Amino acid sequence: MPTKKTRAKPLLDTPPPHSEDAEKGVLGSMLLSPKAIASVVDKIDSDYFFIPANQVIYNAMIDYWQAGKPIDLITFTQYLGDMQLLEGVGGAGYVTGLFTFVPTAANLQTYMDILKSKYMLRQVIAAGTEYIRKAYEEQSDAEAILSGAQEAFRDVKSFDKPEKSFKDYVLEYVERMESGEPADHLVLTSLLKLDEISPLRKGSMPLITGERKQGKSILAQTIMANVCLRTKKPGLYFSLEEPIPSTVQRLMANVSRVPVSRHYTSLMSEEDKKRTHEAANKLMESKIKVISDAFDLHTIIGRTKRYAMDNPDLAIVVVDYAQLIRVPYKKQTTRETEVASVSRAMRLLCMELNVPLLLLSQVNVDGRARESKALEQDATANIHVERDVEDEPNKLMVHIRWQRDGESGISFPTTFMGNIYRVENFIDIPEHENPLNRFAQGN
């Protein structure tokens, strides 16, 4: 007679991961040794506890301790009673049970490790359940859902990492001062005035603003090409306005310095062919990645994080441009609120990855970033570009309207070479006179 198969119990009918003993162990240790509270308060919070009564007791104990009152079983039990919390957590008997649950506080760290492990698993379940629901309800937006799920899983809190002390940061800064310029924090663009006045810094988000057809994208593409080809490090370019072939065409002209109008063999000189061949090799060997099919915030963040994980030496990210990004799952919101969400997310992203992120933005007639003041509030610098297309079409004025780490209100000219989609130094400074050479290596 065939054996009857037992149906597996549905996962959703199973209580989420937790350890009642570990929760009691942490609270009991805190009651036994109030000094242990100091080692707990900065490492876990009430969310790490699964049992509601234990969450209430933990919060009450922290409040009582932060008020400077000595904790023992009797006074704390009385405090819970005074706050009308005692009956809700199971009465004086439950609190006494916590006190007697562990003989000493020696194993507190072990209990906390178990607590955090179970909490992480509950976060994974919560994130997975949320995106399973979205996958059923919003099936047409698969890429955004996948990117959002990946981001949610990466945001799951892990165990505490050792933190540097303030003294460590001061010592690091002094060491950089003694060794010369802090080159490890700067990303050189080869545009000398920009590198001198408003250098790109790791973790920064400069905002490049300007009216249409003024040269924002060409400046950003020049910076990315200069950085990536000189350092041989990866760069990520989100082209929300043009397909990849158009960006490739621009970069080929930019690097080869052969105008697009001559990008046909029949129109090229032998020198053109040589430069084009060299440029193609440089670009193919580079680690530049161009993405033109990401239009929502979750997709851009997800792909950036994935690329950074595969390329930990990522040198620069460019997003062209902010107003074209959409925010999924936002219901009944204004465009200003949507752009503000984009701005804040981009700022947090570049800080998390410790990579400069150039965010391009169009401006209104008053010169302010279009659709949201948050763009300028979140940015680390406002680099505004403009050209006098009729009188001086080959001069691109760069205005450092403001910046957090340096002098503001400074303008300087650059050479705008529209036929090769490139921006150059306005005056060619001899290489041996370049003050940035002394720390150019390694960036």
Protein backbone atom coordinates (compact mmCIF):
# COMPACT_ATOMS: atom_id res chain seq x y z
CA MET A 1 0.00 0.00 0.00
CA PRO A 2 1.58 3.30 -1.06
CA THR A 3 2.63 5.61 1.69
CA LYS A 4 0.48 8.69 1.99
CA LYS A 5 2.50 11.87 1.48
CA THR A 6 2.20 14.50 4.16
CA ARG A 7 1.60 17.96 2.78
CA ALA A 8 4.24 20.47 3.87
CA LYS A 9 3.01 23.11 6.26
CA PRO A 10 2.64 26.46 4.47
CA LEU A 11 5.46 28.83 5.36
CA LEU A 12 3.06 31.66 6.11
CA ASP A 13 1.51 29.54 8.88
CA THR A 14 4.89 29.27 10.60
CA PRO A 15 5.80 31.96 13.16
CA PRO A 16 8.57 34.27 11.94
CA PRO A 17 12.11 33.42 13.13
CA HIS A 18 12.71 34.40 16.74
CA SER A 19 14.28 33.09 19.92
CA GLU A 20 12.29 33.55 23.11
CA ASP A 21 15.24 32.37 25.19
CA ALA A 22 17.65 34.87 23.57
CA GLU A 23 15.18 37.71 24.16
CA LYS A 24 14.83 36.74 27.80
CA GLY A 25 18.61 36.35 28.04
CA VAL A 26 19.22 39.93 26.87
CA LEU A 27 16.59 41.46 29.18
CA GLY A 28 17.66 39.29 32.12
CA SER A 29 21.29 40.29 31.64
CA MET A 30 20.30 43.96 31.61
CA LEU A 31 18.42 43.53 34.89
CA LEU A 32 21.27 41.60 36.48
CA SER A 33 23.99 44.02 35.39
CA PRO A 34 22.82 47.56 34.66
CA LYS A 35 26.34 48.35 33.39
CA ALA A 36 25.62 45.98 30.50
CA ILE A 37 22.91 48.34 29.25
CA ALA A 38 25.58 50.71 27.91
CA SER A 39 26.89 47.94 25.64
CA VAL A 40 23.38 47.13 24.41
CA VAL A 41 21.73 50.48 23.74
CA ASP A 42 23.84 51.39 20.68
CA LYS A 43 23.72 47.93 19.13
CA ILE A 44 20.09 46.85 19.18
CA ASP A 45 16.67 48.46 19.48
CA SER A 46 13.21 47.21 20.35
CA ASP A 47 12.57 45.97 16.79
CA TYR A 48 15.09 43.19 17.39
CA PHE A 49 12.61 41.65 19.86
CA PHE A 50 9.77 39.64 18.35
CA ILE A 51 7.61 39.26 21.47
CA PRO A 52 5.62 42.50 22.05
CA ALA A 53 5.96 42.34 25.84
CA ASN A 54 9.74 42.17 25.50
CA GLN A 55 9.72 45.20 23.19
CA VAL A 56 7.81 47.20 25.82
CA ILE A 57 10.14 46.08 28.63
CA TYR A 58 13.26 46.90 26.62
CA ASN A 59 12.05 50.43 25.76
CA ALA A 60 11.00 51.06 29.36
CA MET A 61 14.36 49.85 30.68
CA ILE A 62 16.26 52.12 28.28
CA ASP A 63 14.08 55.12 29.22
CA TYR A 64 14.59 54.38 32.93
CA TRP A 65 18.36 54.01 32.49
CA GLN A 66 18.70 57.17 30.38
CA ALA A 67 16.89 59.09 33.11
CA GLY A 68 19.85 58.24 35.35
CA LYS A 69 17.92 56.04 37.74
CA PRO A 70 19.51 52.88 39.21
CA ILE A 71 17.92 49.71 37.87
CA ASP A 72 17.11 46.71 40.00
CA LEU A 73 14.23 44.26 39.98
CA ILE A 74 12.13 46.04 42.59
CA THR A 75 12.50 49.64 41.37
CA PHE A 76 12.05 48.68 37.73
CA THR A 77 8.95 46.62 38.47
CA GLN A 78 7.55 49.60 40.37
CA TYR A 79 8.39 51.87 37.42
CA LEU A 80 6.45 49.61 35.04
CA GLY A 81 3.52 49.75 37.42
CA ASP A 82 3.66 53.54 37.67
CA MET A 83 3.70 53.78 33.89
CA GLN A 84 0.70 51.39 33.72
CA LEU A 85 2.74 48.94 31.66
CA LEU A 86 3.14 46.12 34.15
CA GLU A 87 -0.07 44.19 33.52
CA GLY A 88 0.34 44.50 29.78
CA VAL A 89 3.72 42.72 29.84
CA GLY A 90 2.53 39.85 32.00
CA GLY A 91 2.70 41.24 35.53
CA ALA A 92 5.40 41.22 38.18
CA GLY A 93 5.80 37.46 37.77
CA TYR A 94 6.99 37.83 34.17
CA VAL A 95 9.55 40.50 35.08
CA THR A 96 10.82 38.37 37.97
CA GLY A 97 11.13 35.44 35.56
CA LEU A 98 13.42 37.52 33.35
CA PHE A 99 15.59 38.38 36.35
CA THR A 100 16.02 34.73 37.30
CA PHE A 101 16.29 33.39 33.72
CA VAL A 102 20.08 33.76 33.48
CA PRO A 103 22.58 33.28 36.34
CA THR A 104 25.00 35.97 35.07
CA ALA A 105 25.31 38.54 32.28
CA ALA A 106 28.45 36.87 30.92
CA ASN A 107 26.69 35.53 27.82
CA LEU A 108 25.00 38.80 26.85
CA GLN A 109 26.89 39.11 23.53
CA THR A 110 25.83 35.61 22.51
CA TYR A 111 22.19 36.44 23.24
CA MET A 112 22.47 39.67 21.21
CA ASP A 113 24.01 37.82 18.25
CA ILE A 114 21.08 35.39 18.21
CA LEU A 115 18.63 38.28 18.51
CA LYS A 116 20.15 40.11 15.55
CA SER A 117 20.32 36.95 13.44
CA LYS A 118 16.61 36.29 13.91
CA TYR A 119 15.81 39.95 13.25
CA MET A 120 17.71 39.84 9.94
CA LEU A 121 15.73 36.78 8.88
CA ARG A 122 12.46 38.55 9.68
CA GLN A 123 13.60 41.52 7.57
CA VAL A 124 14.35 39.21 4.65
CA ILE A 125 10.87 37.66 4.95
CA ALA A 126 9.23 41.10 5.14
CA ALA A 127 11.10 42.38 2.08
CA GLY A 128 10.40 39.22 0.11
CA THR A 129 6.69 39.26 1.00
CA GLU A 130 6.35 42.92 0.00
CA TYR A 131 7.88 42.41 -3.45
CA ILE A 132 5.99 39.19 -4.04
CA ARG A 133 2.83 41.26 -3.54
CA LYS A 134 4.09 43.94 -5.93
CA ALA A 135 5.00 41.29 -8.50
CA TYR A 136 1.38 40.10 -8.47
CA GLU A 137 -0.16 43.57 -8.51
CA GLU A 138 2.16 45.44 -10.90
CA GLN A 139 3.31 42.85 -13.38
CA SER A 140 4.04 45.34 -16.16
CA ASP A 141 6.89 47.03 -14.30
CA ALA A 142 9.12 43.99 -13.83
CA GLU A 143 12.49 45.77 -14.03
CA ALA A 144 11.55 48.33 -11.37
CA ILE A 145 10.18 45.60 -9.09
CA LEU A 146 13.35 43.52 -9.46
CA SER A 147 15.59 46.51 -8.77
CA GLY A 148 13.49 47.54 -5.79
CA ALA A 149 13.65 44.02 -4.35
CA GLN A 150 17.42 43.90 -4.75
CA GLU A 151 17.74 47.26 -3.04
CA ALA A 152 15.45 46.14 -0.20
CA PHE A 153 17.51 43.02 0.42
CA ARG A 154 20.74 45.01 0.41
CA ASP A 155 19.26 47.35 3.01
CA VAL A 156 18.65 44.53 5.46
CA LYS A 157 20.51 45.48 8.63
CA SER A 158 23.51 43.32 9.27
CA PHE A 159 25.67 42.89 12.34
CA ASP A 160 27.41 45.89 13.76
CA LYS A 161 30.68 46.80 12.13
CA PRO A 162 33.53 48.29 14.15
CA GLU A 163 33.26 52.06 13.91
CA LYS A 164 36.17 54.46 13.71
CA SER A 165 36.50 56.82 16.61
CA PHE A 166 36.65 60.57 16.16
CA LYS A 167 40.34 60.33 17.06
CA ASP A 168 40.88 57.90 14.14
CA TYR A 169 39.38 60.37 11.68
CA VAL A 170 41.50 63.23 13.02
CA LEU A 171 44.69 61.15 12.73
CA GLU A 172 43.82 60.16 9.14
CA TYR A 173 43.28 63.80 8.25
CA VAL A 174 46.60 64.86 9.79
CA GLU A 175 48.39 62.09 7.89
CA ARG A 176 46.88 63.34 4.61
CA MET A 177 47.93 66.90 5.44
CA GLU A 178 51.50 65.81 6.15
CA SER A 179 51.71 63.79 2.94
CA GLY A 180 50.55 66.71 0.74
CA GLU A 181 47.20 67.13 -0.96
CA PRO A 182 44.41 64.70 0.01
CA ALA A 183 44.55 63.00 -3.38
CA ASP A 184 42.62 59.93 -2.31
CA HIS A 185 39.49 62.07 -1.85
CA LEU A 186 39.70 63.85 -5.19
CA VAL A 187 38.76 62.67 -8.66
CA LEU A 188 40.58 64.71 -11.30
CA THR A 189 38.71 65.74 -14.45
CA SER A 190 41.71 67.13 -16.42
CA LEU A 191 39.80 70.43 -16.67
CA LEU A 192 42.38 72.33 -14.66
CA LYS A 193 40.30 75.25 -13.42
CA LEU A 194 37.53 72.91 -12.33
CA ASP A 195 40.04 70.68 -10.54
CA GLU A 196 41.56 73.72 -8.87
CA ILE A 197 38.39 75.56 -7.83
CA SER A 198 35.77 72.87 -7.41
CA PRO A 199 37.31 69.39 -7.58
CA LEU A 200 35.15 66.30 -7.63
CA ARG A 201 35.23 64.49 -4.32
CA LYS A 202 34.36 60.92 -3.56
CA GLY A 203 30.84 60.78 -2.16
CA SER A 204 29.92 64.20 -3.56
CA MET A 205 26.96 65.12 -5.79
CA PRO A 206 27.71 68.18 -7.93
CA LEU A 207 24.69 69.47 -9.82
CA ILE A 208 25.42 70.56 -13.40
CA THR A 209 22.73 73.04 -14.43
CA GLY A 210 22.03 74.97 -17.59
CA GLU A 211 19.42 75.75 -20.18
CA ARG A 212 18.80 73.46 -23.13
CA LYS A 213 21.61 73.05 -25.69
CA GLN A 214 24.16 74.84 -23.53
CA GLY A 215 26.59 71.95 -23.11
CA LYS A 216 25.63 70.14 -19.88
CA SER A 217 25.81 66.65 -21.38
CA ILE A 218 28.99 67.38 -23.34
CA LEU A 219 30.70 68.65 -20.20
CA ALA A 220 29.60 65.58 -18.24
CA GLN A 221 30.65 63.18 -20.99
CA THR A 222 34.04 64.89 -21.25
CA ILE A 223 34.56 64.59 -17.50
CA MET A 224 33.60 60.91 -17.51
CA ALA A 225 35.85 60.11 -20.49
CA ASN A 226 38.77 62.01 -18.96
CA VAL A 227 38.40 60.29 -15.58
CA CYS A 228 37.87 56.76 -16.87
CA LEU A 229 40.50 56.78 -19.61
CA ARG A 230 43.16 58.35 -17.38
CA THR A 231 42.57 56.18 -14.32
CA LYS A 232 41.45 53.06 -16.23
CA LYS A 233 38.68 52.75 -13.66
CA PRO A 234 34.96 52.08 -14.30
CA GLY A 235 32.44 54.81 -14.97
CA LEU A 236 28.65 54.55 -15.21
CA TYR A 237 26.64 56.88 -17.45
CA PHE A 238 22.83 56.95 -17.36
CA SER A 239 21.65 58.48 -20.62
CA LEU A 240 17.95 59.14 -20.15
CA GLU A 241 17.68 61.43 -23.16
CA GLU A 242 19.60 59.55 -25.86
CA PRO A 243 20.03 55.91 -26.91
CA ILE A 244 23.42 54.24 -26.44
CA PRO A 245 24.48 54.55 -30.14
CA SER A 246 24.18 58.34 -29.89
CA THR A 247 26.33 58.42 -26.77
CA VAL A 248 28.89 56.14 -28.42
CA GLN A 249 29.03 58.50 -31.42
CA ARG A 250 29.65 61.45 -29.12
CA LEU A 251 32.35 59.66 -27.16
CA MET A 252 34.09 58.51 -30.34
CA ALA A 253 34.26 62.12 -31.54
CA ASN A 254 35.25 63.30 -28.07
CA VAL A 255 38.17 60.89 -27.67
CA SER A 256 39.38 60.85 -31.29
CA ARG A 257 38.83 64.58 -31.82
CA VAL A 258 37.51 63.75 -35.28
CA PRO A 259 34.24 65.62 -36.02
CA VAL A 260 31.12 63.51 -36.46
CA SER A 261 30.65 65.02 -39.91
CA ARG A 262 33.75 63.07 -41.02
CA HIS A 263 32.79 59.76 -39.40
CA TYR A 264 32.72 58.01 -42.74
CA THR A 265 35.78 56.36 -44.26
CA SER A 266 35.35 58.21 -47.53
CA LEU A 267 35.59 61.56 -45.72
CA MET A 268 38.48 60.71 -43.41
CA SER A 269 42.11 61.58 -43.87
CA GLU A 270 44.74 59.04 -42.91
CA GLU A 271 45.27 60.95 -39.66
CA ASP A 272 41.51 60.82 -38.98
CA LYS A 273 41.52 57.06 -39.48
CA LYS A 274 44.47 56.64 -37.15
CA ARG A 275 42.90 58.74 -34.40
CA THR A 276 39.53 57.03 -34.78
CA HIS A 277 41.12 53.60 -34.55
CA GLU A 278 43.05 54.59 -31.41
CA ALA A 279 39.92 56.09 -29.85
CA ALA A 280 37.91 52.94 -30.56
CA ASN A 281 40.57 50.80 -28.88
CA LYS A 282 40.65 53.09 -25.83
CA LEU A 283 36.88 53.05 -25.45
CA MET A 284 36.60 49.29 -25.95
CA GLU A 285 39.33 48.69 -23.37
CA SER A 286 37.77 51.15 -20.94
CA LYS A 287 35.35 50.21 -18.20
CA ILE A 288 32.75 52.77 -19.22
CA LYS A 289 29.18 51.48 -19.10
CA VAL A 290 26.31 53.40 -20.68
CA ILE A 291 22.70 52.63 -19.74
CA SER A 292 19.82 54.14 -21.71
CA ASP A 293 16.86 51.97 -20.68
CA ALA A 294 16.57 52.95 -17.00
CA PHE A 295 13.99 55.65 -16.36
CA ASP A 296 12.76 55.05 -12.80
CA LEU A 297 14.51 55.68 -9.52
CA HIS A 298 14.55 52.09 -8.28
CA THR A 299 16.07 50.79 -11.51
CA ILE A 300 18.82 53.42 -11.52
CA ILE A 301 19.70 52.77 -7.87
CA GLY A 302 19.56 48.99 -8.32
CA ARG A 303 21.77 48.96 -11.40
CA THR A 304 24.25 51.37 -9.85
CA LYS A 305 24.61 49.24 -6.74
CA ARG A 306 24.96 46.08 -8.80
CA TYR A 307 27.64 47.68 -10.95
CA ALA A 308 29.45 48.98 -7.87
CA MET A 309 29.42 45.51 -6.33
CA ASP A 310 30.99 44.06 -9.48
CA ASN A 311 33.36 47.04 -9.80
CA PRO A 312 34.40 48.21 -6.31
CA ASP A 313 36.82 50.73 -7.87
CA LEU A 314 33.96 52.60 -9.59
CA ALA A 315 35.32 56.11 -10.24
CA ILE A 316 32.30 58.17 -11.31
CA VAL A 317 28.55 58.04 -11.97
CA VAL A 318 26.69 60.45 -14.27
CA VAL A 319 22.90 60.77 -14.41
CA ASP A 320 21.66 62.77 -17.41
CA TYR A 321 19.28 64.14 -16.25
CA ALA A 322 17.23 64.44 -13.01
CA GLN A 323 13.90 65.64 -14.41
CA LEU A 324 13.52 62.56 -16.62
CA ILE A 325 13.61 60.12 -13.68
CA ARG A 326 10.30 58.71 -12.52
CA VAL A 327 9.47 57.34 -9.07
CA PRO A 328 7.40 54.13 -9.08
CA TYR A 329 4.82 53.31 -6.41
CA LYS A 330 4.26 56.99 -5.61
CA LYS A 331 0.52 57.61 -5.63
CA GLN A 332 -1.12 61.03 -5.80
CA THR A 333 2.07 63.05 -5.54
CA THR A 334 3.27 66.24 -7.20
CA ARG A 335 6.16 66.34 -9.64
CA GLU A 336 8.06 68.55 -7.21
CA THR A 337 7.76 65.88 -4.51
CA GLU A 338 8.83 63.24 -7.02
CA VAL A 339 11.97 65.14 -8.03
CA ALA A 340 12.74 65.75 -4.35
CA SER A 341 12.64 61.96 -3.83
CA VAL A 342 15.04 61.53 -6.75
CA SER A 343 17.39 64.17 -5.37
CA ARG A 344 17.54 62.71 -1.88
CA ALA A 345 17.98 59.15 -3.15
CA MET A 346 20.84 60.19 -5.46
CA ARG A 347 22.58 62.01 -2.61
CA LEU A 348 22.33 58.99 -0.31
CA LEU A 349 23.52 56.71 -3.13
CA CYS A 350 26.76 58.59 -3.82
CA MET A 351 27.49 58.80 -0.08
CA GLU A 352 26.89 55.08 0.37
CA LEU A 353 29.12 54.13 -2.57
CA ASN A 354 31.69 56.87 -1.84
CA VAL A 355 31.70 57.84 -5.52
CA PRO A 356 31.17 61.26 -7.14
CA LEU A 357 27.79 61.42 -8.85
CA LEU A 358 27.26 64.14 -11.44
CA LEU A 359 23.54 64.93 -11.59
CA LEU A 360 22.44 67.04 -14.54
CA SER A 361 19.46 69.36 -14.34
CA GLN A 362 17.68 71.80 -16.60
CA VAL A 363 16.81 75.19 -15.15
CA ASN A 364 13.83 77.53 -15.12
CA VAL A 365 13.91 81.06 -16.48
CA ASP A 366 15.13 82.27 -13.06
CA GLY A 367 18.15 79.97 -13.33
CA ARG A 368 16.97 77.61 -10.61
CA ALA A 369 16.89 73.83 -11.04
CA ARG A 370 13.60 72.88 -12.66
CA GLU A 371 10.70 71.36 -10.72
CA SER A 372 12.28 71.11 -7.26
CA LYS A 373 14.37 73.22 -4.90
CA ALA A 374 15.52 69.96 -3.28
CA LEU A 375 18.02 69.40 -6.11
CA GLU A 376 20.02 72.45 -5.06
CA GLN A 377 19.56 71.71 -1.37
CA ASP A 378 20.92 68.17 -1.66
CA ALA A 379 23.76 68.88 -4.10
CA THR A 380 27.29 69.51 -2.89
CA ALA A 381 27.95 72.12 -5.59
CA ASN A 382 26.08 73.95 -8.34
CA ILE A 383 28.10 74.06 -11.55
CA HIS A 384 26.15 76.22 -13.99
CA VAL A 385 27.12 76.35 -17.67
CA GLU A 386 26.16 78.82 -20.38
CA ARG A 387 27.24 79.86 -23.87
CA ASP A 388 26.73 82.90 -26.02
CA VAL A 389 25.75 80.81 -29.03
CA GLU A 390 25.75 83.79 -31.43
CA ASP A 391 28.84 85.78 -30.44
CA GLU A 392 31.14 83.26 -28.76
CA PRO A 393 29.83 79.76 -29.54
CA ASN A 394 33.20 78.16 -28.76
CA LYS A 395 33.42 79.53 -25.22
CA LEU A 396 31.63 77.68 -22.43
CA MET A 397 31.44 79.69 -19.23
CA VAL A 398 31.46 77.60 -16.06
CA HIS A 399 30.01 79.27 -12.98
CA ILE A 400 30.61 77.72 -9.56
CA ARG A 401 27.53 79.34 -8.07
CA TRP A 402 28.10 77.70 -4.71
CA GLN A 403 29.80 74.72 -3.17
CA ARG A 404 30.08 73.23 0.28
CA ASP A 405 33.84 72.65 0.21
CA GLY A 406 35.36 75.76 -1.29
CA GLU A 407 34.84 79.27 -2.54
CA SER A 408 31.61 80.12 -4.31
CA GLY A 409 30.66 82.68 -6.93
CA ILE A 410 33.62 81.97 -9.23
CA SER A 411 33.43 81.80 -13.04
CA PHE A 412 35.94 80.69 -15.63
CA PRO A 413 35.89 79.98 -19.37
CA THR A 414 36.47 76.67 -21.10
CA THR A 415 36.76 75.88 -24.78
CA PHE A 416 33.58 74.34 -26.18
CA MET A 417 34.22 72.14 -29.21
CA GLY A 418 30.74 71.25 -30.37
CA ASN A 419 31.88 69.49 -33.53
CA ILE A 420 33.66 66.85 -31.45
CA TYR A 421 31.37 67.00 -28.39
CA ARG A 422 34.20 67.99 -26.09
CA VAL A 423 35.16 70.63 -23.54
CA GLU A 424 38.83 71.61 -23.18
CA ASN A 425 40.89 73.89 -20.96
CA PHE A 426 40.55 77.47 -22.21
CA ILE A 427 44.29 78.05 -22.02
CA ASP A 428 46.54 75.08 -22.56
CA ILE A 429 48.72 74.95 -19.44
CA PRO A 430 52.01 73.08 -20.01
CA GLU A 431 52.01 69.75 -18.24
CA HIS A 432 55.08 70.55 -16.13
CA GLU A 433 53.30 73.64 -14.77
CA ASN A 434 50.17 71.75 -13.78
CA PRO A 435 49.96 72.05 -9.97
CA LEU A 436 47.73 68.98 -9.79
CA ASN A 437 50.38 66.62 -11.13
CA ARG A 438 51.89 66.10 -7.72
CA PHE A 439 48.88 64.08 -6.60
CA ALA A 440 47.51 62.87 -9.93
CA GLN A 441 48.78 59.34 -9.44
CA GLY A 442 46.35 56.84 -8.03
CA ASN A 443 43.17 58.80 -8.75
